[in-house]
Protein backbone atom coordinates (compact mmCIF):
# COMPACT_ATOMS: atom_id res chain seq x y z
CA UNK A 1 56.85 145.14 85.35
CA UNK A 2 53.54 143.40 83.81
CA UNK A 3 54.96 140.01 84.75
CA UNK A 4 56.26 141.01 88.27
CA UNK A 5 53.18 142.95 89.51
CA UNK A 6 50.67 140.03 89.47
CA UNK A 7 53.13 137.81 91.22
CA UNK A 8 53.82 140.70 93.84
CA UNK A 9 50.04 141.11 94.46
CA UNK A 10 49.76 137.49 94.94
CA UNK A 11 52.41 137.39 97.52
CA UNK A 12 50.72 140.25 99.30
CA UNK A 13 47.44 138.79 99.13
CA UNK A 14 48.45 135.23 100.60
CA UNK A 15 50.96 136.31 103.16
CA UNK A 16 48.11 137.31 105.65
CA UNK A 17 46.69 133.83 105.32
CA UNK A 18 50.05 132.03 105.79
CA UNK A 19 50.72 134.13 108.93
CA UNK A 20 47.01 133.14 110.20
CA UNK A 21 47.87 129.62 109.49
CA UNK A 22 50.85 129.70 111.73
CA UNK A 23 48.88 131.66 114.33
CA UNK A 24 46.10 129.13 114.34
CA UNK A 25 48.52 126.45 114.92
CA UNK A 26 50.49 128.28 117.58
CA UNK A 27 52.50 126.27 120.17
CA UNK A 28 52.11 122.57 119.88
CA UNK A 29 53.44 120.23 122.58
CA UNK A 30 54.08 116.50 121.35
CA UNK A 31 54.71 113.54 123.55
CA UNK A 32 58.04 111.94 122.91
CA UNK A 33 57.32 108.46 124.34
CA UNK A 34 60.24 106.34 125.64
CA UNK A 35 60.20 103.70 122.94
CA UNK A 36 61.90 103.89 119.33
CA UNK A 37 58.85 103.86 117.20
CA UNK A 38 56.95 106.51 119.23
CA UNK A 39 60.07 108.60 119.39
CA UNK A 40 60.70 108.49 115.51
CA UNK A 41 57.08 109.36 114.92
CA UNK A 42 57.04 112.25 117.41
CA UNK A 43 60.15 113.71 115.86
CA UNK A 44 58.59 113.29 112.08
CA UNK A 45 55.54 115.14 113.42
CA UNK A 46 57.53 117.93 114.97
CA UNK A 47 59.54 118.40 111.88
CA UNK A 48 56.40 118.48 109.63
CA UNK A 49 54.35 120.61 111.58
CA UNK A 50 57.31 123.04 112.26
CA UNK A 51 58.48 123.30 108.93
CA UNK A 52 55.38 122.65 106.98
CA UNK A 53 52.64 124.25 108.88
CA UNK A 54 54.50 126.93 110.83
CA UNK A 55 53.57 125.63 114.01
CA UNK A 56 55.92 126.24 117.04
CA UNK A 57 56.41 122.63 117.75
CA UNK A 58 58.37 121.13 120.71
CA UNK A 59 58.69 117.58 122.07
CA UNK A 60 58.18 116.71 125.82
CA UNK A 61 58.92 113.46 127.69
CA UNK A 62 55.94 111.05 127.64
CA UNK A 63 54.84 107.59 128.64
CA UNK A 64 51.38 105.82 128.10
CA UNK A 65 49.59 106.23 131.28
CA UNK A 66 50.81 109.72 132.33
CA UNK A 67 50.40 111.24 129.03
CA UNK A 68 47.09 110.08 128.42
CA UNK A 69 46.18 111.29 131.95
CA UNK A 70 47.48 114.66 131.37
CA UNK A 71 45.93 115.07 128.20
CA UNK A 72 42.37 114.29 129.84
CA UNK A 73 43.19 116.34 132.96
CA UNK A 74 45.37 119.15 131.89
CA UNK A 75 44.88 119.49 128.04
CA UNK A 76 48.50 118.92 127.27
CA UNK A 77 50.49 117.62 125.55
CA UNK A 78 48.47 118.38 122.29
CA UNK A 79 49.64 115.38 120.53
CA UNK A 80 50.30 111.72 121.53
CA UNK A 81 51.62 110.31 118.24
CA UNK A 82 51.65 106.55 119.43
CA UNK A 83 49.24 105.61 122.16
CA UNK A 84 48.49 101.90 122.73
CA UNK A 85 44.91 102.83 123.63
CA UNK A 86 43.38 99.52 124.79
CA UNK A 87 45.42 100.16 128.18
CA UNK A 88 43.44 103.15 128.90
CA UNK A 89 40.49 103.03 126.85
CA UNK A 90 37.72 103.79 129.33
CA UNK A 91 39.72 107.01 130.31
CA UNK A 92 40.34 108.07 126.69
CA UNK A 93 36.68 107.37 125.68
CA UNK A 94 35.58 109.53 128.72
CA UNK A 95 37.75 112.29 127.54
CA UNK A 96 36.44 112.10 123.88
CA UNK A 97 32.85 112.14 125.42
CA UNK A 98 33.58 115.23 127.58
CA UNK A 99 34.94 117.11 124.49
CA UNK A 100 38.66 117.14 125.63
CA UNK A 101 40.27 114.46 123.43
CA UNK A 102 39.93 113.23 119.71
CA UNK A 103 41.00 110.16 118.03
CA UNK A 104 43.11 111.47 114.96
CA UNK A 105 43.86 108.27 113.29
CA UNK A 106 45.55 104.75 113.72
CA UNK A 107 49.18 105.15 113.61
CA UNK A 108 49.74 101.78 112.27
CA UNK A 109 47.70 100.42 109.32
CA UNK A 110 47.16 97.18 110.61
CA UNK A 111 47.19 97.98 114.10
CA UNK A 112 49.70 96.45 116.73
CA UNK A 113 50.26 92.91 115.62
CA UNK A 114 50.61 89.80 117.78
CA UNK A 115 50.73 85.96 116.73
CA UNK A 116 52.79 82.83 116.57
CA UNK A 117 55.76 82.95 113.95
CA UNK A 118 58.09 80.73 112.22
CA UNK A 119 60.94 81.76 110.19
CA UNK A 120 60.46 82.46 106.36
CA UNK A 121 63.29 80.07 105.29
CA UNK A 122 61.18 77.25 106.83
CA UNK A 123 57.92 78.12 104.91
CA UNK A 124 59.94 78.55 101.81
CA UNK A 125 60.97 74.97 102.18
CA UNK A 126 57.66 73.86 103.26
CA UNK A 127 54.64 76.16 102.75
CA UNK A 128 52.46 74.01 104.88
CA UNK A 129 54.40 75.62 108.08
CA UNK A 130 52.75 78.70 107.36
CA UNK A 131 49.62 76.97 109.02
CA UNK A 132 49.00 75.76 112.36
CA UNK A 133 48.17 72.34 111.18
CA UNK A 134 51.35 72.20 109.37
CA UNK A 135 53.28 73.15 112.32
CA UNK A 136 51.60 70.38 114.51
CA UNK A 137 52.19 67.71 111.91
CA UNK A 138 55.97 68.66 111.89
CA UNK A 139 56.42 69.11 115.74
CA UNK A 140 59.49 67.06 115.68
CA UNK A 141 61.22 69.59 113.50
CA UNK A 142 61.27 72.12 116.64
CA UNK A 143 63.51 70.32 118.81
CA UNK A 144 63.59 71.46 122.51
CA UNK A 145 66.99 72.85 123.57
CA UNK A 146 67.15 70.75 126.57
CA UNK A 147 65.20 67.64 125.76
CA UNK A 148 65.39 66.30 122.16
CA UNK A 149 62.37 64.10 122.74
CA UNK A 150 60.19 67.29 123.07
CA UNK A 151 59.42 70.23 120.75
CA UNK A 152 59.71 73.75 121.71
CA UNK A 153 57.32 76.46 121.72
CA UNK A 154 58.71 79.97 122.92
CA UNK A 155 55.97 81.84 124.83
CA UNK A 156 55.68 85.33 126.20
CA UNK A 157 57.97 86.32 129.20
CA UNK A 158 56.63 85.62 132.72
CA UNK A 159 54.71 88.67 134.16
CA UNK A 160 53.70 90.07 130.76
CA UNK A 161 49.99 90.28 129.82
CA UNK A 162 50.96 88.22 126.50
CA UNK A 163 51.93 85.30 128.76
CA UNK A 164 48.38 84.56 129.63
CA UNK A 165 47.17 84.78 126.01
CA UNK A 166 50.11 82.77 124.51
CA UNK A 167 49.66 80.09 127.24
CA UNK A 168 45.75 79.75 126.67
CA UNK A 169 46.25 79.63 122.98
CA UNK A 170 48.94 76.92 123.37
CA UNK A 171 46.25 74.95 125.33
CA UNK A 172 43.45 75.52 123.05
CA UNK A 173 45.30 74.07 119.90
CA UNK A 174 46.44 71.26 122.00
CA UNK A 175 50.22 71.68 121.57
CA UNK A 176 51.16 69.39 124.37
CA UNK A 177 49.35 66.49 122.67
CA UNK A 178 51.58 67.15 119.64
CA UNK A 179 54.73 67.16 121.97
CA UNK A 180 55.30 70.83 122.47
CA UNK A 181 56.43 72.29 125.73
CA UNK A 182 55.87 75.92 126.51
CA UNK A 183 59.08 77.72 127.15
CA UNK A 184 59.39 80.82 129.24
CA UNK A 185 62.10 82.72 127.64
CA UNK A 186 62.69 84.60 130.92
CA UNK A 187 62.71 88.27 129.23
CA UNK A 188 62.19 90.14 126.03
CA UNK A 189 66.05 89.76 125.35
CA UNK A 190 66.00 85.91 125.84
CA UNK A 191 62.86 85.56 123.35
CA UNK A 192 64.81 87.90 120.94
CA UNK A 193 67.98 86.05 121.27
CA UNK A 194 66.13 82.75 120.71
CA UNK A 195 65.13 83.99 117.24
CA UNK A 196 68.55 85.46 116.34
CA UNK A 197 70.30 82.21 117.52
CA UNK A 198 67.85 80.28 115.22
CA UNK A 199 68.32 82.47 112.36
CA UNK A 200 72.39 82.48 112.37
CA UNK A 201 72.13 78.83 112.18
CA UNK A 202 69.09 78.44 109.93
CA UNK A 203 67.38 76.19 112.59
CA UNK A 204 63.66 75.86 113.21
CA UNK A 205 62.09 78.20 115.79
CA UNK A 206 58.44 78.64 116.66
CA UNK A 207 56.87 80.96 119.11
CA UNK A 208 55.18 84.34 120.20
CA UNK A 209 56.18 87.59 119.00
CA UNK A 210 54.42 91.04 118.11
CA UNK A 211 54.86 93.87 115.64
CA UNK A 212 56.07 96.47 114.78
CA UNK A 213 59.59 95.58 116.15
CA UNK A 214 63.18 95.75 115.19
CA UNK A 215 63.40 91.85 115.30
CA UNK A 216 60.56 91.44 112.63
CA UNK A 217 62.42 93.93 110.52
CA UNK A 218 65.85 92.30 110.79
CA UNK A 219 64.59 88.75 110.69
CA UNK A 220 62.08 87.65 108.03
CA UNK A 221 59.22 85.81 109.91
CA UNK A 222 56.10 84.44 108.85
CA UNK A 223 53.09 84.50 111.14
CA UNK A 224 51.23 81.32 111.36
CA UNK A 225 47.56 81.11 110.33
CA UNK A 226 45.61 79.13 112.93
CA UNK A 227 42.66 78.74 110.62
CA UNK A 228 40.25 79.97 113.13
CA UNK A 229 39.80 83.69 111.98
CA UNK A 230 39.51 86.12 114.74
CA UNK A 231 37.04 85.96 117.64
CA UNK A 232 37.56 89.17 119.32
CA UNK A 233 34.80 88.58 122.01
CA UNK A 234 36.24 85.22 123.01
CA UNK A 235 40.10 86.72 122.90
CA UNK A 236 38.99 89.37 125.31
CA UNK A 237 36.61 87.47 127.56
CA UNK A 238 38.63 84.22 127.80
CA UNK A 239 42.10 84.09 126.14
CA UNK A 240 43.38 87.28 127.92
CA UNK A 241 41.92 85.74 131.42
CA UNK A 242 44.23 83.62 133.51
CA UNK A 243 41.11 81.92 134.96
CA UNK A 244 40.02 80.82 131.26
CA UNK A 245 38.75 77.25 131.37
CA UNK A 246 37.73 76.67 127.82
CA UNK A 247 40.04 78.45 125.65
CA UNK A 248 39.54 78.22 121.99
CA UNK A 249 41.78 79.00 118.99
CA UNK A 250 41.51 82.43 117.69
CA UNK A 251 43.91 84.65 115.85
CA UNK A 252 45.07 87.72 117.77
CA UNK A 253 42.86 90.60 117.00
CA UNK A 254 44.90 93.83 116.07
CA UNK A 255 45.78 96.08 118.94
CA UNK A 256 44.58 99.86 118.77
CA UNK A 257 47.54 102.11 118.51
CA UNK A 258 46.26 105.52 117.90
CA UNK A 259 47.35 109.25 117.54
CA UNK A 260 45.38 111.11 120.06
CA UNK A 261 45.00 114.88 120.16
CA UNK A 262 43.41 117.56 122.35
CA UNK A 263 40.03 119.05 121.20
CA UNK A 264 41.60 122.67 121.73
CA UNK A 265 44.45 121.77 119.22
CA UNK A 266 41.99 119.97 116.85
CA UNK A 267 39.91 123.45 116.69
CA UNK A 268 42.83 125.47 116.57
CA UNK A 269 44.55 123.73 113.47
CA UNK A 270 42.46 121.79 111.42
CA UNK A 271 45.08 121.76 108.56
CA UNK A 272 47.59 120.08 110.92
CA UNK A 273 44.78 117.66 112.07
CA UNK A 274 44.36 116.62 108.41
CA UNK A 275 47.98 115.67 108.17
CA UNK A 276 47.71 113.66 111.40
CA UNK A 277 44.57 111.85 110.23
CA UNK A 278 46.58 110.68 106.97
CA UNK A 279 49.79 109.98 108.77
CA UNK A 280 50.22 106.27 109.06
CA UNK A 281 52.73 103.60 108.87
CA UNK A 282 52.63 99.82 107.73
CA UNK A 283 53.98 97.22 110.27
CA UNK A 284 56.42 96.11 107.63
CA UNK A 285 57.88 99.67 107.04
CA UNK A 286 58.06 100.31 110.78
CA UNK A 287 59.84 97.02 111.37
CA UNK A 288 62.61 98.01 108.93
CA UNK A 289 62.81 101.41 110.34
CA UNK A 290 63.37 100.19 113.90
CA UNK A 291 65.80 97.60 112.65
CA UNK A 292 67.77 100.36 111.05
CA UNK A 293 67.49 102.34 114.37
CA UNK A 294 69.06 99.34 116.25
CA UNK A 295 71.71 98.66 113.87
CA UNK A 296 72.76 102.42 113.58
CA UNK A 297 72.18 103.32 117.57
CA UNK A 298 69.98 106.13 116.16
CA UNK A 299 67.64 108.12 118.24
CA UNK A 300 64.25 109.38 117.22
CA UNK A 301 65.89 112.68 115.78
CA UNK A 302 68.39 110.85 113.71
CA UNK A 303 65.77 108.33 112.55
CA UNK A 304 63.45 110.96 111.53
CA UNK A 305 66.15 112.45 109.04
CA UNK A 306 66.69 109.06 107.67
CA UNK A 307 62.88 108.54 107.29
CA UNK A 308 62.28 111.89 105.69
CA UNK A 309 65.19 111.65 103.19
CA UNK A 310 64.58 107.94 102.34
CA UNK A 311 60.83 107.62 102.52
CA UNK A 312 59.46 110.69 100.67
CA UNK A 313 57.01 108.56 98.69
CA UNK A 314 55.45 107.94 102.11
CA UNK A 315 55.20 111.28 103.88
CA UNK A 316 54.51 113.23 100.74
CA UNK A 317 51.18 111.31 100.61
CA UNK A 318 50.27 112.92 104.05
CA UNK A 319 50.55 116.43 103.18
CA UNK A 320 49.69 118.79 100.13
CA UNK A 321 52.32 119.67 97.48
CA UNK A 322 52.66 123.13 98.95
CA UNK A 323 53.50 121.73 102.47
CA UNK A 324 55.67 119.07 100.90
CA UNK A 325 57.82 121.73 99.09
CA UNK A 326 58.39 123.55 102.46
CA UNK A 327 59.43 120.37 104.23
CA UNK A 328 61.82 119.30 101.38
CA UNK A 329 63.42 122.72 101.55
CA UNK A 330 63.68 122.58 105.58
CA UNK A 331 65.43 119.02 104.87
């Protein structure tokens, strides 16, 4: 009895606090965006908040513009796990200024990543191909599929914003003078297919791509260093502008990809907010997860189970040991 009594008293003493924590968290709505990485992260958040923090968490359908607008105007959903915030930055900043929203943390440690890439097997043979000087010097390696006398650079599909930036950088670094021709792949599938085809045959490939994506999880690619560093101001003012007359070389600045939460949720459940402020993925890790989702035709919920069971070293860093035990028991 002497051993049992203190433990019983401890349980009785802590029970009200556990109940209070759950009440503080209460009902939580999480935007389940219509792309794989966002859906995976939303399901991870729901599982951890529900089983670790006692939140009454649920997913609701979402997309960038309608979710951001609804959070600002209606205060719901409570959490947008993966919001590419540059697309509505002014509105989000206004929401923060008015005390309606809060930026919890970047969801990708390196931000969204864009660049010009070559296959790793090419760099393994010739390390100079990891630089733009090396690529231009060896332009003849990248044979154009329709004209062997020209070299191929695969740009961004027509109609996408990145078509402007990749085209301006093509001109800034004088690819045309080196014999390159800018190829429009026609679609995301066309661009992806060109990489897959090159990899299967171990042929040269050079072009634009972005991360995190399943493609860069499936195929090892090396981002080419322009030797210019990042000039964020010039990139914003000129490289992304179709009317840019004097483009200069600059690496792509990271794209802001944030977890956005409502201020009411932040005040209601500071413990859950602390978790969200620590929850972050590397692009390399997310690339692998997206490749796994594609190969296994997995939705966000199935991918969440795969992540929680196989990446415990990652997610346990986001929560305390007590929360981690609850989540592991739920798994």
